[in-house]
Amino acid sequence: MTVHDDPQPPWVGRLSAVRWWLLLGFIALAVRLLWVVAMRDRLPRFDEVFYLGHAEALADGRGYVDPQGREAAYWPPGFPALLAVAYRVFGHAEVVGVFVQGALGIASCFLISFIGTRMYGAGVGRLAAVGLALYPTHVFYTTLQLTEPLFAFLLLVATALVAKPSRAVGAAFGGAVLGLATLVRPSGVLFPFSLLVARPRTLWGSRAGRACAVVVVAASLVVITPWVLRTHRETGNWTVSTTGGHNFWMGNHPGAFGGYRYPPAINSELLVNGEMDYGRGFGLGVAAIAEAPL
């Protein structure tokens, strides 16, 4: 990638590297600590409860199972797996999850600075990093046990790797990281494939760009395939997790009006032999779109 000229950067762009990294770390840490103190009495809710339950089961050696001890496939495994590692090292205290989310948020700020500076100069890169450090939604996720901070961090790591001058190596490792991101949020599977049509020659600046895009896709598939095979064995669906099918049906059933509120009766159409088959939601949703496209 080409570093653009930055002849008159703002004052943060004129700081020495050491002073800049210390300043960014202080800003990102201080804001998140203040938020943690403000939300010290908050309890996990909704999706968080399930992610935490899976993480505890993994940390205890019970596998990726639901509360009844059955093999689970509804929630993607990436974030619970990271939490499980943290639990094994630091114990099952609630503060461990907050520490993980805070560390991911601060690390993302550093990555934004690194990527932005390399591509657009110190002024742009450093201002972008300060923006992310102070961005309210990003700060709020410090106390939410959800997938977004890890997914954003992995996307930034992949961006830094894919844009490396050593194209083949960067493409392979970047693709692998995108595969890990897909295990965190399954919609990430679209990112590697988008490179095939996103003018890869412009991205890498050579005719080897399309080959690098293929390497990214192949590496990501290598990472996600074992889990997809496991999900198919358990549910019959070729997917990372079945929550996508459920959400797709929620948003596209006749009468859907947005958001997560929906008539409970629509779940009856996901029943197969008395068991919920959330993967059916994709087909049902597509059929509903075809029937009433407007």
C-alpha atoms as a PDB file:
ATOM      1  CA  MET A   1       0.000   0.000   0.000  1.00  0.00           C
ATOM      2  CA  THR A   2       1.143   3.557  -0.602  1.00  0.00           C
ATOM      3  CA  VAL A   3       1.642   5.925   2.311  1.00  0.00           C
ATOM      4  CA  HIS A   4       0.191   9.283   1.362  1.00  0.00           C
ATOM      5  CA  ASP A   5       1.993  12.523   2.081  1.00  0.00           C
ATOM      6  CA  ASP A   6       0.964  14.229   5.307  1.00  0.00           C
ATOM      7  CA  PRO A   7       2.866  17.553   5.154  1.00  0.00           C
ATOM      8  CA  GLN A   8       1.034  19.361   7.967  1.00  0.00           C
ATOM      9  CA  PRO A   9      -0.375  16.788  10.379  1.00  0.00           C
ATOM     10  CA  PRO A  10      -2.317  17.883  13.455  1.00  0.00           C
ATOM     11  CA  TRP A  11      -0.451  18.054  16.733  1.00  0.00           C
ATOM     12  CA  VAL A  12      -1.000  14.350  17.491  1.00  0.00           C
ATOM     13  CA  GLY A  13       0.758  13.584  14.213  1.00  0.00           C
ATOM     14  CA  ARG A  14       3.844  15.470  15.378  1.00  0.00           C
ATOM     15  CA  LEU A  15       4.285  13.569  18.625  1.00  0.00           C
ATOM     16  CA  SER A  16       7.114  11.087  18.897  1.00  0.00           C
ATOM     17  CA  ALA A  17       6.113   7.445  18.542  1.00  0.00           C
ATOM     18  CA  VAL A  18       6.613   6.708  22.249  1.00  0.00           C
ATOM     19  CA  ARG A  19       4.608   9.720  23.400  1.00  0.00           C
ATOM     20  CA  TRP A  20       1.853   8.936  20.932  1.00  0.00           C
ATOM     21  CA  TRP A  21       1.439   5.306  21.975  1.00  0.00           C
ATOM     22  CA  LEU A  22       1.434   6.293  25.663  1.00  0.00           C
ATOM     23  CA  LEU A  23      -1.154   9.011  25.033  1.00  0.00           C
ATOM     24  CA  LEU A  24      -3.427   6.741  23.002  1.00  0.00           C
ATOM     25  CA  GLY A  25      -3.174   3.965  25.578  1.00  0.00           C
ATOM     26  CA  PHE A  26      -4.010   6.384  28.393  1.00  0.00           C
ATOM     27  CA  ILE A  27      -7.061   7.824  26.597  1.00  0.00           C
ATOM     28  CA  ALA A  28      -8.446   4.427  25.597  1.00  0.00           C
ATOM     29  CA  LEU A  29      -7.864   2.892  29.034  1.00  0.00           C
ATOM     30  CA  ALA A  30      -9.148   5.842  31.062  1.00  0.00           C
ATOM     31  CA  VAL A  31     -12.437   6.142  29.165  1.00  0.00           C
ATOM     32  CA  ARG A  32     -13.113   2.412  29.439  1.00  0.00           C
ATOM     33  CA  LEU A  33     -12.262   2.292  33.135  1.00  0.00           C
ATOM     34  CA  LEU A  34     -14.698   5.138  33.804  1.00  0.00           C
ATOM     35  CA  TRP A  35     -17.405   3.217  31.948  1.00  0.00           C
ATOM     36  CA  VAL A  36     -16.666   0.010  33.847  1.00  0.00           C
ATOM     37  CA  VAL A  37     -17.017   1.866  37.162  1.00  0.00           C
ATOM     38  CA  ALA A  38     -20.284   3.460  36.011  1.00  0.00           C
ATOM     39  CA  MET A  39     -21.691   0.035  35.033  1.00  0.00           C
ATOM     40  CA  ARG A  40     -20.280  -1.967  37.956  1.00  0.00           C
ATOM     41  CA  ASP A  41     -23.730  -3.198  39.045  1.00  0.00           C
ATOM     42  CA  ARG A  42     -24.861  -4.310  35.593  1.00  0.00           C
ATOM     43  CA  LEU A  43     -25.787  -7.980  35.056  1.00  0.00           C
ATOM     44  CA  PRO A  44     -25.459  -9.975  31.779  1.00  0.00           C
ATOM     45  CA  ARG A  45     -28.654 -10.203  29.720  1.00  0.00           C
ATOM     46  CA  PHE A  46     -30.072 -11.899  26.639  1.00  0.00           C
ATOM     47  CA  ASP A  47     -27.332 -13.217  24.279  1.00  0.00           C
ATOM     48  CA  GLU A  48     -24.635 -12.589  26.882  1.00  0.00           C
ATOM     49  CA  VAL A  49     -26.069 -15.284  29.147  1.00  0.00           C
ATOM     50  CA  PHE A  50     -25.656 -17.927  26.461  1.00  0.00           C
ATOM     51  CA  TYR A  51     -22.149 -16.856  25.440  1.00  0.00           C
ATOM     52  CA  LEU A  52     -21.052 -16.929  29.077  1.00  0.00           C
ATOM     53  CA  GLY A  53     -22.665 -20.331  29.580  1.00  0.00           C
ATOM     54  CA  HIS A  54     -20.814 -21.797  26.600  1.00  0.00           C
ATOM     55  CA  ALA A  55     -17.543 -20.263  27.806  1.00  0.00           C
ATOM     56  CA  GLU A  56     -17.939 -21.788  31.252  1.00  0.00           C
ATOM     57  CA  ALA A  57     -18.756 -25.198  29.779  1.00  0.00           C
ATOM     58  CA  LEU A  58     -15.672 -25.063  27.564  1.00  0.00           C
ATOM     59  CA  ALA A  59     -13.465 -23.920  30.430  1.00  0.00           C
ATOM     60  CA  ASP A  60     -14.759 -26.798  32.573  1.00  0.00           C
ATOM     61  CA  GLY A  61     -14.012 -29.331  29.836  1.00  0.00           C
ATOM     62  CA  ARG A  62     -17.672 -30.148  29.092  1.00  0.00           C
ATOM     63  CA  GLY A  63     -17.432 -29.114  25.449  1.00  0.00           C
ATOM     64  CA  TYR A  64     -19.619 -26.793  23.399  1.00  0.00           C
ATOM     65  CA  VAL A  65     -22.935 -27.804  24.930  1.00  0.00           C
ATOM     66  CA  ASP A  66     -26.252 -26.231  25.870  1.00  0.00           C
ATOM     67  CA  PRO A  67     -27.562 -26.010  29.467  1.00  0.00           C
ATOM     68  CA  GLN A  68     -28.956 -29.562  29.097  1.00  0.00           C
ATOM     69  CA  GLY A  69     -25.516 -30.906  28.163  1.00  0.00           C
ATOM     70  CA  ARG A  70     -26.372 -31.507  24.484  1.00  0.00           C
ATOM     71  CA  GLU A  71     -24.028 -30.521  21.654  1.00  0.00           C
ATOM     72  CA  ALA A  72     -24.883 -26.916  20.737  1.00  0.00           C
ATOM     73  CA  ALA A  73     -24.792 -25.162  17.364  1.00  0.00           C
ATOM     74  CA  TYR A  74     -27.052 -22.120  17.718  1.00  0.00           C
ATOM     75  CA  TRP A  75     -24.403 -19.606  18.825  1.00  0.00           C
ATOM     76  CA  PRO A  76     -21.059 -19.136  17.002  1.00  0.00           C
ATOM     77  CA  PRO A  77     -18.122 -20.536  18.987  1.00  0.00           C
ATOM     78  CA  GLY A  78     -15.384 -17.917  18.564  1.00  0.00           C
ATOM     79  CA  PHE A  79     -16.126 -15.537  21.432  1.00  0.00           C
ATOM     80  CA  PRO A  80     -16.992 -18.252  23.992  1.00  0.00           C
ATOM     81  CA  ALA A  81     -13.741 -20.022  23.081  1.00  0.00           C
ATOM     82  CA  LEU A  82     -11.708 -16.894  23.822  1.00  0.00           C
ATOM     83  CA  LEU A  83     -13.556 -16.369  27.109  1.00  0.00           C
ATOM     84  CA  ALA A  84     -12.964 -20.007  28.023  1.00  0.00           C
ATOM     85  CA  VAL A  85      -9.215 -19.554  27.617  1.00  0.00           C
ATOM     86  CA  ALA A  86      -9.362 -16.456  29.825  1.00  0.00           C
ATOM     87  CA  TYR A  87     -11.406 -18.351  32.431  1.00  0.00           C
ATOM     88  CA  ARG A  88      -8.862 -21.162  32.474  1.00  0.00           C
ATOM     89  CA  VAL A  89      -6.055 -18.670  33.110  1.00  0.00           C
ATOM     90  CA  PHE A  90      -7.711 -16.151  35.439  1.00  0.00           C
ATOM     91  CA  GLY A  91     -10.762 -17.946  36.843  1.00  0.00           C
ATOM     92  CA  HIS A  92     -14.498 -17.524  36.274  1.00  0.00           C
ATOM     93  CA  ALA A  93     -14.868 -14.048  37.795  1.00  0.00           C
ATOM     94  CA  GLU A  94     -17.112 -11.598  35.956  1.00  0.00           C
ATOM     95  CA  VAL A  95     -14.273  -9.094  35.765  1.00  0.00           C
ATOM     96  CA  VAL A  96     -12.372 -11.482  33.471  1.00  0.00           C
ATOM     97  CA  GLY A  97     -14.830 -10.937  30.642  1.00  0.00           C
ATOM     98  CA  VAL A  98     -14.698  -7.176  31.153  1.00  0.00           C
ATOM     99  CA  PHE A  99     -10.901  -7.328  31.024  1.00  0.00           C
ATOM    100  CA  VAL A 100     -11.017  -9.270  27.757  1.00  0.00           C
ATOM    101  CA  GLN A 101     -13.428  -6.803  26.156  1.00  0.00           C
ATOM    102  CA  GLY A 102     -11.428  -3.815  27.358  1.00  0.00           C
ATOM    103  CA  ALA A 103      -8.159  -5.280  26.087  1.00  0.00           C
ATOM    104  CA  LEU A 104      -9.714  -5.977  22.675  1.00  0.00           C
ATOM    105  CA  GLY A 105     -11.054  -2.426  22.490  1.00  0.00           C
ATOM    106  CA  ILE A 106      -7.723  -0.827  23.368  1.00  0.00           C
ATOM    107  CA  ALA A 107      -5.836  -3.123  20.990  1.00  0.00           C
ATOM    108  CA  SER A 108      -8.236  -2.125  18.201  1.00  0.00           C
ATOM    109  CA  CYS A 109      -7.363   1.531  18.788  1.00  0.00           C
ATOM    110  CA  PHE A 110      -3.665   0.723  18.350  1.00  0.00           C
ATOM    111  CA  LEU A 111      -4.387  -1.234  15.186  1.00  0.00           C
ATOM    112  CA  ILE A 112      -6.420   1.635  13.725  1.00  0.00           C
ATOM    113  CA  SER A 113      -3.478   3.939  14.363  1.00  0.00           C
ATOM    114  CA  PHE A 114      -1.033   1.513  12.750  1.00  0.00           C
ATOM    115  CA  ILE A 115      -3.142   0.829   9.659  1.00  0.00           C
ATOM    116  CA  GLY A 116      -4.260   4.432   9.188  1.00  0.00           C
ATOM    117  CA  THR A 117      -0.744   5.808   9.554  1.00  0.00           C
ATOM    118  CA  ARG A 118       0.708   3.323   7.087  1.00  0.00           C
ATOM    119  CA  MET A 119      -1.974   4.032   4.491  1.00  0.00           C
ATOM    120  CA  TYR A 120      -2.748   7.743   4.956  1.00  0.00           C
ATOM    121  CA  GLY A 121      -0.100   9.286   7.194  1.00  0.00           C
ATOM    122  CA  ALA A 122       0.312   9.946  10.899  1.00  0.00           C
ATOM    123  CA  GLY A 123      -2.255  12.732  11.078  1.00  0.00           C
ATOM    124  CA  VAL A 124      -5.105  10.642   9.697  1.00  0.00           C
ATOM    125  CA  GLY A 125      -4.097   7.425  11.445  1.00  0.00           C
ATOM    126  CA  ARG A 126      -3.738   8.985  14.869  1.00  0.00           C
ATOM    127  CA  LEU A 127      -6.929  11.042  14.677  1.00  0.00           C
ATOM    128  CA  ALA A 128      -8.815   7.890  13.627  1.00  0.00           C
ATOM    129  CA  ALA A 129      -7.380   6.044  16.622  1.00  0.00           C
ATOM    130  CA  VAL A 130      -8.460   8.807  19.026  1.00  0.00           C
ATOM    131  CA  GLY A 131     -11.897   8.728  17.422  1.00  0.00           C
ATOM    132  CA  LEU A 132     -12.224   5.013  18.069  1.00  0.00           C
ATOM    133  CA  ALA A 133     -10.862   5.343  21.616  1.00  0.00           C
ATOM    134  CA  LEU A 134     -13.643   7.827  22.398  1.00  0.00           C
ATOM    135  CA  TYR A 135     -16.386   6.346  20.234  1.00  0.00           C
ATOM    136  CA  PRO A 136     -19.261   5.721  22.703  1.00  0.00           C
ATOM    137  CA  THR A 137     -20.531   2.448  21.219  1.00  0.00           C
ATOM    138  CA  HIS A 138     -17.029   0.978  21.217  1.00  0.00           C
ATOM    139  CA  VAL A 139     -16.560   2.034  24.831  1.00  0.00           C
ATOM    140  CA  PHE A 140     -19.945   0.619  25.878  1.00  0.00           C
ATOM    141  CA  TYR A 141     -19.004  -2.851  24.638  1.00  0.00           C
ATOM    142  CA  THR A 142     -16.366  -3.067  27.375  1.00  0.00           C
ATOM    143  CA  THR A 143     -19.082  -4.233  29.762  1.00  0.00           C
ATOM    144  CA  LEU A 144     -21.106  -6.253  27.245  1.00  0.00           C
ATOM    145  CA  GLN A 145     -20.179  -9.911  26.856  1.00  0.00           C
ATOM    146  CA  LEU A 146     -20.907  -9.949  23.128  1.00  0.00           C
ATOM    147  CA  THR A 147     -19.029 -10.714  19.933  1.00  0.00           C
ATOM    148  CA  GLU A 148     -18.535  -7.253  18.422  1.00  0.00           C
ATOM    149  CA  PRO A 149     -15.182  -6.244  20.032  1.00  0.00           C
ATOM    150  CA  LEU A 150     -13.495  -9.515  19.074  1.00  0.00           C
ATOM    151  CA  PHE A 151     -14.929  -9.427  15.561  1.00  0.00           C
ATOM    152  CA  ALA A 152     -13.766  -5.829  15.007  1.00  0.00           C
ATOM    153  CA  PHE A 153     -10.308  -6.651  16.365  1.00  0.00           C
ATOM    154  CA  LEU A 154      -9.919  -9.648  14.050  1.00  0.00           C
ATOM    155  CA  LEU A 155     -11.062  -7.622  11.033  1.00  0.00           C
ATOM    156  CA  LEU A 156      -8.393  -5.034  11.815  1.00  0.00           C
ATOM    157  CA  VAL A 157      -5.717  -7.718  12.198  1.00  0.00           C
ATOM    158  CA  ALA A 158      -6.754  -9.215   8.861  1.00  0.00           C
ATOM    159  CA  THR A 159      -6.633  -5.788   7.215  1.00  0.00           C
ATOM    160  CA  ALA A 160      -3.106  -5.195   8.481  1.00  0.00           C
ATOM    161  CA  LEU A 161      -1.985  -8.619   7.223  1.00  0.00           C
ATOM    162  CA  VAL A 162      -3.680  -8.527   3.818  1.00  0.00           C
ATOM    163  CA  ALA A 163      -2.189  -5.112   3.088  1.00  0.00           C
ATOM    164  CA  LYS A 164       1.389  -6.234   3.889  1.00  0.00           C
ATOM    165  CA  PRO A 165       3.956  -5.906   1.121  1.00  0.00           C
ATOM    166  CA  SER A 166       4.758  -9.648   1.346  1.00  0.00           C
ATOM    167  CA  ARG A 167       1.505 -10.403  -0.431  1.00  0.00           C
ATOM    168  CA  ALA A 168       1.337 -14.202  -0.378  1.00  0.00           C
ATOM    169  CA  VAL A 169       2.222 -14.507   3.311  1.00  0.00           C
ATOM    170  CA  GLY A 170      -0.023 -11.618   4.287  1.00  0.00           C
ATOM    171  CA  ALA A 171      -2.897 -13.005   2.221  1.00  0.00           C
ATOM    172  CA  ALA A 172      -2.605 -16.463   3.803  1.00  0.00           C
ATOM    173  CA  PHE A 173      -2.462 -15.235   7.395  1.00  0.00           C
ATOM    174  CA  GLY A 174      -5.046 -12.535   6.721  1.00  0.00           C
ATOM    175  CA  GLY A 175      -7.403 -15.133   5.291  1.00  0.00           C
ATOM    176  CA  ALA A 176      -6.898 -17.357   8.319  1.00  0.00           C
ATOM    177  CA  VAL A 177      -7.749 -14.458  10.626  1.00  0.00           C
ATOM    178  CA  LEU A 178     -10.877 -13.734   8.572  1.00  0.00           C
ATOM    179  CA  GLY A 179     -11.781 -17.380   9.097  1.00  0.00           C
ATOM    180  CA  LEU A 180     -11.459 -16.869  12.845  1.00  0.00           C
ATOM    181  CA  ALA A 181     -13.645 -13.755  12.535  1.00  0.00           C
ATOM    182  CA  THR A 182     -16.292 -15.871  10.796  1.00  0.00           C
ATOM    183  CA  LEU A 183     -16.297 -18.227  13.779  1.00  0.00           C
ATOM    184  CA  VAL A 184     -17.067 -15.164  15.915  1.00  0.00           C
ATOM    185  CA  ARG A 185     -19.768 -13.670  13.666  1.00  0.00           C
ATOM    186  CA  PRO A 186     -20.777 -15.927  10.751  1.00  0.00           C
ATOM    187  CA  SER A 187     -21.597 -12.974   8.479  1.00  0.00           C
ATOM    188  CA  GLY A 188     -17.822 -12.548   8.260  1.00  0.00           C
ATOM    189  CA  VAL A 189     -17.779 -15.316   5.661  1.00  0.00           C
ATOM    190  CA  LEU A 190     -18.682 -12.658   3.068  1.00  0.00           C
ATOM    191  CA  PHE A 191     -15.514 -10.614   3.606  1.00  0.00           C
ATOM    192  CA  PRO A 192     -12.982 -12.982   1.956  1.00  0.00           C
ATOM    193  CA  PHE A 193     -15.255 -13.579  -1.033  1.00  0.00           C
ATOM    194  CA  SER A 194     -15.813  -9.842  -1.484  1.00  0.00           C
ATOM    195  CA  LEU A 195     -12.118  -9.487  -2.327  1.00  0.00           C
ATOM    196  CA  LEU A 196     -12.666 -11.537  -5.478  1.00  0.00           C
ATOM    197  CA  VAL A 197     -14.849  -8.789  -6.923  1.00  0.00           C
ATOM    198  CA  ALA A 198     -13.422  -5.729  -5.128  1.00  0.00           C
ATOM    199  CA  ARG A 199     -10.774  -4.840  -7.711  1.00  0.00           C
ATOM    200  CA  PRO A 200      -7.913  -6.796  -6.082  1.00  0.00           C
ATOM    201  CA  ARG A 201      -5.396  -5.269  -8.502  1.00  0.00           C
ATOM    202  CA  THR A 202      -6.166  -1.887  -6.958  1.00  0.00           C
ATOM    203  CA  LEU A 203      -5.934  -3.378  -3.478  1.00  0.00           C
ATOM    204  CA  TRP A 204      -2.486  -4.906  -3.944  1.00  0.00           C
ATOM    205  CA  GLY A 205      -1.223  -2.865  -6.869  1.00  0.00           C
ATOM    206  CA  SER A 206      -0.177  -5.764  -9.122  1.00  0.00           C
ATOM    207  CA  ARG A 207      -1.541  -8.486 -11.350  1.00  0.00           C
ATOM    208  CA  ALA A 208      -1.015 -10.903  -8.491  1.00  0.00           C
ATOM    209  CA  GLY A 209      -3.926  -9.255  -6.669  1.00  0.00           C
ATOM    210  CA  ARG A 210      -6.549 -11.759  -7.807  1.00  0.00           C
ATOM    211  CA  ALA A 211      -4.293 -14.672  -6.861  1.00  0.00           C
ATOM    212  CA  CYS A 212      -3.876 -13.149  -3.402  1.00  0.00           C
ATOM    213  CA  ALA A 213      -7.651 -12.812  -3.101  1.00  0.00           C
ATOM    214  CA  VAL A 214      -7.980 -16.524  -3.883  1.00  0.00           C
ATOM    215  CA  VAL A 215      -5.379 -17.279  -1.193  1.00  0.00           C
ATOM    216  CA  VAL A 216      -7.402 -15.236   1.319  1.00  0.00           C
ATOM    217  CA  VAL A 217     -10.569 -17.183   0.507  1.00  0.00           C
ATOM    218  CA  ALA A 218      -8.800 -20.549   0.655  1.00  0.00           C
ATOM    219  CA  ALA A 219      -7.142 -19.800   3.999  1.00  0.00           C
ATOM    220  CA  SER A 220     -10.408 -18.644   5.542  1.00  0.00           C
ATOM    221  CA  LEU A 221     -12.187 -21.805   4.354  1.00  0.00           C
ATOM    222  CA  VAL A 222      -9.453 -23.983   5.854  1.00  0.00           C
ATOM    223  CA  VAL A 223     -10.112 -22.381   9.244  1.00  0.00           C
ATOM    224  CA  ILE A 224     -13.907 -22.565   9.250  1.00  0.00           C
ATOM    225  CA  THR A 225     -14.422 -25.928   7.515  1.00  0.00           C
ATOM    226  CA  PRO A 226     -13.846 -28.175  10.578  1.00  0.00           C
ATOM    227  CA  TRP A 227     -16.495 -26.303  12.561  1.00  0.00           C
ATOM    228  CA  VAL A 228     -18.916 -26.213   9.624  1.00  0.00           C
ATOM    229  CA  LEU A 229     -18.547 -30.000   9.324  1.00  0.00           C
ATOM    230  CA  ARG A 230     -19.235 -30.329  13.032  1.00  0.00           C
ATOM    231  CA  THR A 231     -22.361 -28.139  12.749  1.00  0.00           C
ATOM    232  CA  HIS A 232     -23.573 -30.180   9.781  1.00  0.00           C
ATOM    233  CA  ARG A 233     -23.057 -33.390  11.727  1.00  0.00           C
ATOM    234  CA  GLU A 234     -25.127 -32.046  14.615  1.00  0.00           C
ATOM    235  CA  THR A 235     -27.867 -30.169  12.734  1.00  0.00           C
ATOM    236  CA  GLY A 236     -27.703 -31.053   9.042  1.00  0.00           C
ATOM    237  CA  ASN A 237     -26.975 -27.403   8.164  1.00  0.00           C
ATOM    238  CA  TRP A 238     -23.885 -26.260   6.278  1.00  0.00           C
ATOM    239  CA  THR A 239     -23.197 -23.216   8.431  1.00  0.00           C
ATOM    240  CA  VAL A 240     -21.055 -21.996  11.318  1.00  0.00           C
ATOM    241  CA  SER A 241     -24.104 -21.604  13.569  1.00  0.00           C
ATOM    242  CA  THR A 242     -27.845 -21.826  13.117  1.00  0.00           C
ATOM    243  CA  THR A 243     -28.657 -18.455  14.695  1.00  0.00           C
ATOM    244  CA  GLY A 244     -28.351 -16.896  11.229  1.00  0.00           C
ATOM    245  CA  GLY A 245     -31.283 -18.906   9.917  1.00  0.00           C
ATOM    246  CA  HIS A 246     -33.403 -17.924  12.894  1.00  0.00           C
ATOM    247  CA  ASN A 247     -32.585 -14.227  12.513  1.00  0.00           C
ATOM    248  CA  PHE A 248     -33.195 -14.346   8.756  1.00  0.00           C
ATOM    249  CA  TRP A 249     -36.651 -15.785   9.333  1.00  0.00           C
ATOM    250  CA  MET A 250     -37.385 -13.224  12.068  1.00  0.00           C
ATOM    251  CA  GLY A 251     -36.623 -10.402   9.665  1.00  0.00           C
ATOM    252  CA  ASN A 252     -38.385 -11.762   6.575  1.00  0.00           C
ATOM    253  CA  HIS A 253     -41.502 -13.621   7.697  1.00  0.00           C
ATOM    254  CA  PRO A 254     -44.847 -12.185   6.534  1.00  0.00           C
ATOM    255  CA  GLY A 255     -45.614  -9.263   8.786  1.00  0.00           C
ATOM    256  CA  ALA A 256     -42.039  -8.591   9.924  1.00  0.00           C
ATOM    257  CA  PHE A 257     -41.482  -4.922  10.705  1.00  0.00           C
ATOM    258  CA  GLY A 258     -37.874  -4.846  11.890  1.00  0.00           C
ATOM    259  CA  GLY A 259     -36.191  -5.415  15.230  1.00  0.00           C
ATOM    260  CA  TYR A 260     -36.188  -8.581  17.312  1.00  0.00           C
ATOM    261  CA  ARG A 261     -39.873  -8.616  18.264  1.00  0.00           C
ATOM    262  CA  TYR A 262     -41.782 -11.230  16.320  1.00  0.00           C
ATOM    263  CA  PRO A 263     -44.850 -13.434  16.760  1.00  0.00           C
ATOM    264  CA  PRO A 264     -43.743 -16.567  18.666  1.00  0.00           C
ATOM    265  CA  ALA A 265     -45.964 -18.586  16.328  1.00  0.00           C
ATOM    266  CA  ILE A 266     -43.459 -18.255  13.483  1.00  0.00           C
ATOM    267  CA  ASN A 267     -41.141 -20.630  15.360  1.00  0.00           C
ATOM    268  CA  SER A 268     -43.622 -23.433  14.749  1.00  0.00           C
ATOM    269  CA  GLU A 269     -42.561 -23.423  11.096  1.00  0.00           C
ATOM    270  CA  LEU A 270     -39.024 -24.258  12.196  1.00  0.00           C
ATOM    271  CA  LEU A 271     -40.110 -27.469  13.900  1.00  0.00           C
ATOM    272  CA  VAL A 272     -39.007 -30.765  12.335  1.00  0.00           C
ATOM    273  CA  ASN A 273     -40.037 -33.952  14.147  1.00  0.00           C
ATOM    274  CA  GLY A 274     -40.599 -31.957  17.309  1.00  0.00           C
ATOM    275  CA  GLU A 275     -37.116 -30.349  17.234  1.00  0.00           C
ATOM    276  CA  MET A 276     -36.219 -26.799  16.244  1.00  0.00           C
ATOM    277  CA  ASP A 277     -34.348 -26.674  12.934  1.00  0.00           C
ATOM    278  CA  TYR A 278     -33.220 -23.057  12.794  1.00  0.00           C
ATOM    279  CA  GLY A 279     -31.430 -23.614   9.499  1.00  0.00           C
ATOM    280  CA  ARG A 280     -34.870 -23.856   7.856  1.00  0.00           C
ATOM    281  CA  GLY A 281     -35.168 -20.129   8.458  1.00  0.00           C
ATOM    282  CA  PHE A 282     -33.025 -19.343   5.416  1.00  0.00           C
ATOM    283  CA  GLY A 283     -35.352 -21.199   3.049  1.00  0.00           C
ATOM    284  CA  LEU A 284     -38.479 -19.856   4.701  1.00  0.00           C
ATOM    285  CA  GLY A 285     -37.148 -16.310   4.557  1.00  0.00           C
ATOM    286  CA  VAL A 286     -36.218 -16.549   0.890  1.00  0.00           C
ATOM    287  CA  ALA A 287     -39.662 -17.965   0.095  1.00  0.00           C
ATOM    288  CA  ALA A 288     -41.309 -15.063   1.949  1.00  0.00           C
ATOM    289  CA  ILE A 289     -39.212 -12.536   0.016  1.00  0.00           C
ATOM    290  CA  ALA A 290     -40.096 -14.191  -3.295  1.00  0.00           C
ATOM    291  CA  GLU A 291     -43.789 -14.172  -2.419  1.00  0.00           C
ATOM    292  CA  ALA A 292     -43.871 -10.495  -1.419  1.00  0.00           C
ATOM    293  CA  PRO A 293     -40.699  -8.778  -2.670  1.00  0.00           C
ATOM    294  CA  LEU A 294     -41.942  -5.248  -1.982  1.00  0.00           C
END
